[in-house]
C-alpha atoms as a PDB file:
ATOM      1  CA  MET A   1       0.254   0.257   0.202  1.00  0.00           C
ATOM      2  CA  THR A   2       1.161   3.509  -1.123  1.00  0.00           C
ATOM      3  CA  ALA A   3       1.673   5.733   2.184  1.00  0.00           C
ATOM      4  CA  ALA A   4      -0.024   9.004   1.889  1.00  0.00           C
ATOM      5  CA  PRO A   5       1.711  12.305   1.648  1.00  0.00           C
ATOM      6  CA  ARG A   6       3.126  13.774   4.559  1.00  0.00           C
ATOM      7  CA  LEU A   7       1.366  16.759   3.654  1.00  0.00           C
ATOM      8  CA  SER A   8      -1.186  17.041   1.307  1.00  0.00           C
ATOM      9  CA  ILE A   9      -2.900  20.323  -0.115  1.00  0.00           C
ATOM     10  CA  ARG A  10      -6.542  20.616  -2.148  1.00  0.00           C
ATOM     11  CA  GLY A  11      -7.892  24.090  -2.985  1.00  0.00           C
ATOM     12  CA  LEU A  12      -6.633  25.935  -0.356  1.00  0.00           C
ATOM     13  CA  ARG A  13      -7.414  29.311  -0.164  1.00  0.00           C
ATOM     14  CA  CYS A  14      -6.455  32.363   2.050  1.00  0.00           C
ATOM     15  CA  ALA A  15      -7.570  36.335   1.946  1.00  0.00           C
ATOM     16  CA  VAL A  16      -4.954  37.012  -1.096  1.00  0.00           C
ATOM     17  CA  ALA A  17      -3.613  33.750  -2.473  1.00  0.00           C
ATOM     18  CA  ARG A  18      -4.505  29.890  -3.421  1.00  0.00           C
ATOM     19  CA  TRP A  19      -2.515  26.700  -3.914  1.00  0.00           C
ATOM     20  CA  PRO A  20      -4.648  24.239  -5.667  1.00  0.00           C
ATOM     21  CA  ALA A  21      -2.501  21.373  -4.799  1.00  0.00           C
ATOM     22  CA  LEU A  22       0.371  20.215  -3.223  1.00  0.00           C
ATOM     23  CA  ASP A  23       1.559  16.689  -2.118  1.00  0.00           C
ATOM     24  CA  LEU A  24       4.859  16.340  -0.089  1.00  0.00           C
ATOM     25  CA  ALA A  25       5.895  12.900   0.623  1.00  0.00           C
ATOM     26  CA  ALA A  26       7.621  12.463   4.236  1.00  0.00           C
ATOM     27  CA  GLY A  27      11.434  14.115   3.500  1.00  0.00           C
ATOM     28  CA  ALA A  28      10.547  16.166   0.498  1.00  0.00           C
ATOM     29  CA  CYS A  29      10.647  19.761   0.156  1.00  0.00           C
ATOM     30  CA  ALA A  30       8.819  22.727  -2.301  1.00  0.00           C
ATOM     31  CA  ALA A  31      10.490  25.963  -3.066  1.00  0.00           C
ATOM     32  CA  LEU A  32       8.081  28.522  -3.145  1.00  0.00           C
ATOM     33  CA  ALA A  33       8.520  32.046  -5.205  1.00  0.00           C
ATOM     34  CA  GLY A  34       6.623  34.881  -6.185  1.00  0.00           C
ATOM     35  CA  PRO A  35       6.749  39.161  -5.806  1.00  0.00           C
ATOM     36  CA  SER A  36       6.898  40.551  -2.913  1.00  0.00           C
ATOM     37  CA  GLY A  37       3.566  41.129  -1.584  1.00  0.00           C
ATOM     38  CA  SER A  38       1.923  38.345  -3.412  1.00  0.00           C
ATOM     39  CA  GLY A  39       0.801  36.418  -0.280  1.00  0.00           C
ATOM     40  CA  LYS A  40       3.807  33.885  -0.087  1.00  0.00           C
ATOM     41  CA  SER A  41       3.702  34.618   3.666  1.00  0.00           C
ATOM     42  CA  ARG A  42      -0.097  34.699   4.190  1.00  0.00           C
ATOM     43  CA  LEU A  43      -0.739  30.891   2.298  1.00  0.00           C
ATOM     44  CA  LEU A  44       2.240  29.554   4.738  1.00  0.00           C
ATOM     45  CA  ARG A  45       0.106  30.967   7.457  1.00  0.00           C
ATOM     46  CA  ALA A  46      -2.929  29.696   6.192  1.00  0.00           C
ATOM     47  CA  ILE A  47      -1.626  26.096   5.695  1.00  0.00           C
ATOM     48  CA  ALA A  48      -0.573  26.508   9.342  1.00  0.00           C
ATOM     49  CA  ASP A  49      -3.930  27.292  10.610  1.00  0.00           C
ATOM     50  CA  LEU A  50      -2.342  30.529  11.888  1.00  0.00           C
ATOM     51  CA  ASP A  51      -4.602  32.706   9.502  1.00  0.00           C
ATOM     52  CA  PRO A  52      -8.360  31.589   8.150  1.00  0.00           C
ATOM     53  CA  SER A  53      -8.505  29.788   5.176  1.00  0.00           C
ATOM     54  CA  GLU A  54     -10.777  27.335   2.902  1.00  0.00           C
ATOM     55  CA  GLY A  55      -9.642  23.873   1.119  1.00  0.00           C
ATOM     56  CA  GLU A  56      -8.862  20.639   2.525  1.00  0.00           C
ATOM     57  CA  LEU A  57      -5.316  20.239   4.134  1.00  0.00           C
ATOM     58  CA  ARG A  58      -4.076  16.548   5.354  1.00  0.00           C
ATOM     59  CA  LEU A  59      -1.058  15.251   7.143  1.00  0.00           C
ATOM     60  CA  ASP A  60      -0.014  11.692   6.894  1.00  0.00           C
ATOM     61  CA  GLY A  61      -3.444  11.096   5.235  1.00  0.00           C
ATOM     62  CA  GLU A  62      -5.581  12.866   8.282  1.00  0.00           C
ATOM     63  CA  ALA A  63      -7.505  15.815   7.874  1.00  0.00           C
ATOM     64  CA  ARG A  64      -6.607  18.936   9.484  1.00  0.00           C
ATOM     65  CA  SER A  65     -10.425  19.181  10.684  1.00  0.00           C
ATOM     66  CA  ALA A  66      -9.416  15.995  12.996  1.00  0.00           C
ATOM     67  CA  PHE A  67      -6.726  18.285  14.750  1.00  0.00           C
ATOM     68  CA  ALA A  68      -7.139  20.058  17.495  1.00  0.00           C
ATOM     69  CA  ALA A  69      -6.005  23.657  16.942  1.00  0.00           C
ATOM     70  CA  HIS A  70      -3.097  23.893  18.824  1.00  0.00           C
ATOM     71  CA  ARG A  71      -1.951  19.722  18.026  1.00  0.00           C
ATOM     72  CA  TRP A  72      -1.741  21.020  13.800  1.00  0.00           C
ATOM     73  CA  ARG A  73       0.452  24.102  14.905  1.00  0.00           C
ATOM     74  CA  ARG A  74       2.893  22.022  16.831  1.00  0.00           C
ATOM     75  CA  LEU A  75       3.285  19.382  14.141  1.00  0.00           C
ATOM     76  CA  VAL A  76       3.185  21.770  10.995  1.00  0.00           C
ATOM     77  CA  VAL A  77       5.318  24.845  12.137  1.00  0.00           C
ATOM     78  CA  TYR A  78       5.281  28.174  10.510  1.00  0.00           C
ATOM     79  CA  LEU A  79       8.851  29.831  10.846  1.00  0.00           C
ATOM     80  CA  PRO A  80       8.070  33.697  10.284  1.00  0.00           C
ATOM     81  CA  ALA A  81      11.094  35.691   8.611  1.00  0.00           C
ATOM     82  CA  ASP A  82      10.871  37.546  11.729  1.00  0.00           C
ATOM     83  CA  SER A  83       9.904  35.606  14.746  1.00  0.00           C
ATOM     84  CA  ALA A  84       9.260  36.558  18.293  1.00  0.00           C
ATOM     85  CA  TRP A  85      11.006  37.165  21.439  1.00  0.00           C
ATOM     86  CA  TRP A  86       9.362  37.699  24.633  1.00  0.00           C
ATOM     87  CA  ALA A  87      11.449  36.962  27.124  1.00  0.00           C
ATOM     88  CA  GLU A  88      15.201  38.312  28.269  1.00  0.00           C
ATOM     89  CA  ARG A  89      16.983  35.421  27.758  1.00  0.00           C
ATOM     90  CA  VAL A  90      17.300  33.223  25.005  1.00  0.00           C
ATOM     91  CA  GLY A  91      17.516  30.360  27.055  1.00  0.00           C
ATOM     92  CA  ASP A  92      13.694  31.034  27.989  1.00  0.00           C
ATOM     93  CA  HIS A  93      12.812  30.537  24.297  1.00  0.00           C
ATOM     94  CA  LEU A  94      14.375  27.159  23.764  1.00  0.00           C
ATOM     95  CA  PRO A  95      13.646  24.712  26.458  1.00  0.00           C
ATOM     96  CA  ALA A  96      14.511  22.062  24.358  1.00  0.00           C
ATOM     97  CA  VAL A  97      16.795  22.417  21.673  1.00  0.00           C
ATOM     98  CA  GLU A  98      19.899  19.982  21.681  1.00  0.00           C
ATOM     99  CA  PRO A  99      22.927  20.940  21.973  1.00  0.00           C
ATOM    100  CA  GLN A 100      24.114  19.556  18.941  1.00  0.00           C
ATOM    101  CA  THR A 101      21.563  21.583  16.991  1.00  0.00           C
ATOM    102  CA  LEU A 102      23.414  24.419  18.286  1.00  0.00           C
ATOM    103  CA  ALA A 103      26.711  23.611  17.114  1.00  0.00           C
ATOM    104  CA  ALA A 104      25.095  22.828  14.052  1.00  0.00           C
ATOM    105  CA  LEU A 105      24.097  26.484  13.586  1.00  0.00           C
ATOM    106  CA  GLY A 106      27.121  27.882  15.029  1.00  0.00           C
ATOM    107  CA  PHE A 107      26.309  28.164  18.618  1.00  0.00           C
ATOM    108  CA  ALA A 108      27.868  27.401  21.842  1.00  0.00           C
ATOM    109  CA  GLU A 109      25.923  26.341  24.920  1.00  0.00           C
ATOM    110  CA  ASP A 110      26.201  28.975  26.494  1.00  0.00           C
ATOM    111  CA  VAL A 111      24.063  30.883  24.224  1.00  0.00           C
ATOM    112  CA  VAL A 112      21.017  30.065  26.561  1.00  0.00           C
ATOM    113  CA  GLY A 113      22.476  32.641  28.958  1.00  0.00           C
ATOM    114  CA  TRP A 114      22.614  35.143  26.171  1.00  0.00           C
ATOM    115  CA  SER A 115      20.140  38.199  26.646  1.00  0.00           C
ATOM    116  CA  VAL A 116      17.699  38.373  23.328  1.00  0.00           C
ATOM    117  CA  GLN A 117      18.830  41.974  23.162  1.00  0.00           C
ATOM    118  CA  ARG A 118      22.135  41.094  21.765  1.00  0.00           C
ATOM    119  CA  LEU A 119      21.437  38.733  19.252  1.00  0.00           C
ATOM    120  CA  SER A 120      21.394  40.003  15.617  1.00  0.00           C
ATOM    121  CA  SER A 121      19.151  39.382  12.895  1.00  0.00           C
ATOM    122  CA  GLY A 122      20.843  36.422  11.650  1.00  0.00           C
ATOM    123  CA  GLU A 123      21.294  34.487  15.045  1.00  0.00           C
ATOM    124  CA  ARG A 124      17.746  35.250  16.045  1.00  0.00           C
ATOM    125  CA  SER A 125      16.803  33.878  12.114  1.00  0.00           C
ATOM    126  CA  ARG A 126      19.351  31.037  13.486  1.00  0.00           C
ATOM    127  CA  LEU A 127      18.037  30.470  16.729  1.00  0.00           C
ATOM    128  CA  ALA A 128      14.269  30.825  15.812  1.00  0.00           C
ATOM    129  CA  LEU A 129      14.772  27.579  13.665  1.00  0.00           C
ATOM    130  CA  ALA A 130      16.543  25.511  16.352  1.00  0.00           C
ATOM    131  CA  ARG A 131      13.256  26.234  18.302  1.00  0.00           C
ATOM    132  CA  ALA A 132      11.213  25.281  15.713  1.00  0.00           C
ATOM    133  CA  VAL A 133      13.034  21.974  14.722  1.00  0.00           C
ATOM    134  CA  ALA A 134      12.928  21.162  18.562  1.00  0.00           C
ATOM    135  CA  LEU A 135       9.389  20.580  18.419  1.00  0.00           C
ATOM    136  CA  GLY A 136       9.470  17.845  16.779  1.00  0.00           C
ATOM    137  CA  PRO A 137       7.291  19.076  13.548  1.00  0.00           C
ATOM    138  CA  LYS A 138       6.536  16.655  10.751  1.00  0.00           C
ATOM    139  CA  ALA A 139       6.204  19.790   8.017  1.00  0.00           C
ATOM    140  CA  LEU A 140       8.152  23.274   8.510  1.00  0.00           C
ATOM    141  CA  LEU A 141       7.230  26.012   6.440  1.00  0.00           C
ATOM    142  CA  LEU A 142      10.302  28.328   6.049  1.00  0.00           C
ATOM    143  CA  ASP A 143       9.360  31.847   5.051  1.00  0.00           C
ATOM    144  CA  GLU A 144      12.843  33.147   3.588  1.00  0.00           C
ATOM    145  CA  PRO A 145      14.868  31.745   6.536  1.00  0.00           C
ATOM    146  CA  THR A 146      18.143  32.717   4.520  1.00  0.00           C
ATOM    147  CA  ALA A 147      17.657  35.834   3.029  1.00  0.00           C
ATOM    148  CA  ASN A 148      19.955  37.867   5.002  1.00  0.00           C
ATOM    149  CA  LEU A 149      22.582  34.991   5.899  1.00  0.00           C
ATOM    150  CA  ASP A 150      25.983  34.747   4.239  1.00  0.00           C
ATOM    151  CA  ALA A 151      27.056  31.232   2.392  1.00  0.00           C
ATOM    152  CA  ALA A 152      28.301  29.694   5.496  1.00  0.00           C
ATOM    153  CA  THR A 153      25.502  30.128   7.441  1.00  0.00           C
ATOM    154  CA  THR A 154      22.988  29.298   4.872  1.00  0.00           C
ATOM    155  CA  ALA A 155      24.625  25.982   4.133  1.00  0.00           C
ATOM    156  CA  ALA A 156      24.505  25.412   8.138  1.00  0.00           C
ATOM    157  CA  VAL A 157      20.565  26.268   7.798  1.00  0.00           C
ATOM    158  CA  GLU A 158      19.941  24.286   4.974  1.00  0.00           C
ATOM    159  CA  GLY A 159      22.396  21.229   6.686  1.00  0.00           C
ATOM    160  CA  VAL A 160      20.041  21.491   9.833  1.00  0.00           C
ATOM    161  CA  VAL A 161      17.096  20.984   7.943  1.00  0.00           C
ATOM    162  CA  GLU A 162      18.213  18.260   5.042  1.00  0.00           C
ATOM    163  CA  GLU A 163      18.767  16.552   8.787  1.00  0.00           C
ATOM    164  CA  ARG A 164      15.672  16.698   9.756  1.00  0.00           C
ATOM    165  CA  ARG A 165      13.899  15.901   6.530  1.00  0.00           C
ATOM    166  CA  ALA A 166      16.244  12.380   6.258  1.00  0.00           C
ATOM    167  CA  ALA A 167      14.225  11.510   9.582  1.00  0.00           C
ATOM    168  CA  GLY A 168      11.102  12.276   7.587  1.00  0.00           C
ATOM    169  CA  LEU A 169      10.039  16.107   7.873  1.00  0.00           C
ATOM    170  CA  ALA A 170       8.330  18.038   4.833  1.00  0.00           C
ATOM    171  CA  ALA A 171       9.768  21.057   3.927  1.00  0.00           C
ATOM    172  CA  VAL A 172       7.732  24.028   2.434  1.00  0.00           C
ATOM    173  CA  TRP A 173      10.491  26.747   2.078  1.00  0.00           C
ATOM    174  CA  VAL A 174      10.024  30.362   0.368  1.00  0.00           C
ATOM    175  CA  THR A 175      13.273  31.339  -1.527  1.00  0.00           C
ATOM    176  CA  HIS A 176      13.988  33.495  -4.772  1.00  0.00           C
ATOM    177  CA  ASP A 177      17.489  31.368  -5.191  1.00  0.00           C
ATOM    178  CA  PRO A 178      17.301  28.613  -7.724  1.00  0.00           C
ATOM    179  CA  ALA A 179      21.015  27.667  -6.573  1.00  0.00           C
ATOM    180  CA  GLN A 180      19.384  26.899  -3.330  1.00  0.00           C
ATOM    181  CA  ALA A 181      16.216  25.353  -4.650  1.00  0.00           C
ATOM    182  CA  GLU A 182      18.464  22.964  -6.778  1.00  0.00           C
ATOM    183  CA  ARG A 183      20.526  22.258  -3.521  1.00  0.00           C
ATOM    184  CA  LEU A 184      17.565  21.318  -1.582  1.00  0.00           C
ATOM    185  CA  GLY A 185      16.030  19.034  -4.426  1.00  0.00           C
ATOM    186  CA  ALA A 186      12.775  21.010  -4.126  1.00  0.00           C
ATOM    187  CA  GLN A 187       9.495  20.887  -6.064  1.00  0.00           C
ATOM    188  CA  ARG A 188       9.430  24.427  -7.717  1.00  0.00           C
ATOM    189  CA  TYR A 189       6.117  26.317  -7.603  1.00  0.00           C
ATOM    190  CA  ALA A 190       5.450  30.043  -8.576  1.00  0.00           C
ATOM    191  CA  LEU A 191       3.098  32.728  -7.189  1.00  0.00           C
ATOM    192  CA  ARG A 192       1.817  34.209 -10.131  1.00  0.00           C
ATOM    193  CA  ASP A 193      -1.551  36.069  -9.825  1.00  0.00           C
ATOM    194  CA  GLY A 194      -2.601  35.089  -6.619  1.00  0.00           C
ATOM    195  CA  VAL A 195      -2.191  31.478  -7.537  1.00  0.00           C
ATOM    196  CA  ALA A 196       0.943  28.972  -6.896  1.00  0.00           C
ATOM    197  CA  GLU A 197       1.377  26.534  -9.352  1.00  0.00           C
ATOM    198  CA  ALA A 198       3.845  24.090 -10.169  1.00  0.00           C
ATOM    199  CA  ALA A 199       7.064  26.216 -12.039  1.00  0.00           C
ATOM    200  CA  GLU A 200      10.092  24.627 -13.967  1.00  0.00           C
ATOM    201  CA  ALA A 201      12.098  27.661 -13.025  1.00  0.00           C
ATOM    202  CA  LEU A 202      11.326  29.602  -9.500  1.00  0.00           C
ATOM    203  CA  ALA A 203       9.902  33.414 -10.420  1.00  0.00           C
END
């Protein structure tokens, strides 16, 4: 028997955009591109059930409607371009992060004692990724997570996600970099006129 896709979308529609169909197997990745303001982030938020939407979404064959909202959001995690930080210490946001994940992202274990105020935007982005993967999601929705990172740090971020994909994580990754989509082995989608459709190249 063929396994159900890890993440399946049919007829997803939010306030500004829609994604007619997507099937991602465990370990697979979809790259989404589109003009600024076209609705990429809104689609990711809709998939994560953070914004109102219509359509059918399934995780391992089970409909989103069968999940309590908090349970779905823990299994289908949205990583925004600018993540929220609500406490003074970094460690207050990272209760379950493994030291090897921090090390892979370029941090020593003492980062948990840092003040959030001392973090650069890139450091916040990487630590937000560590926080997200620590939840053990089955699908991760990444909103341009490497847009402002140098090549080495971008490789580190990709490596952490790839490690989780090898264990079955499905990823939807907003990127405008064709080389990155190639490295990720991603299915390519472009958001044009409010519709995310399969594309041979990123827009």
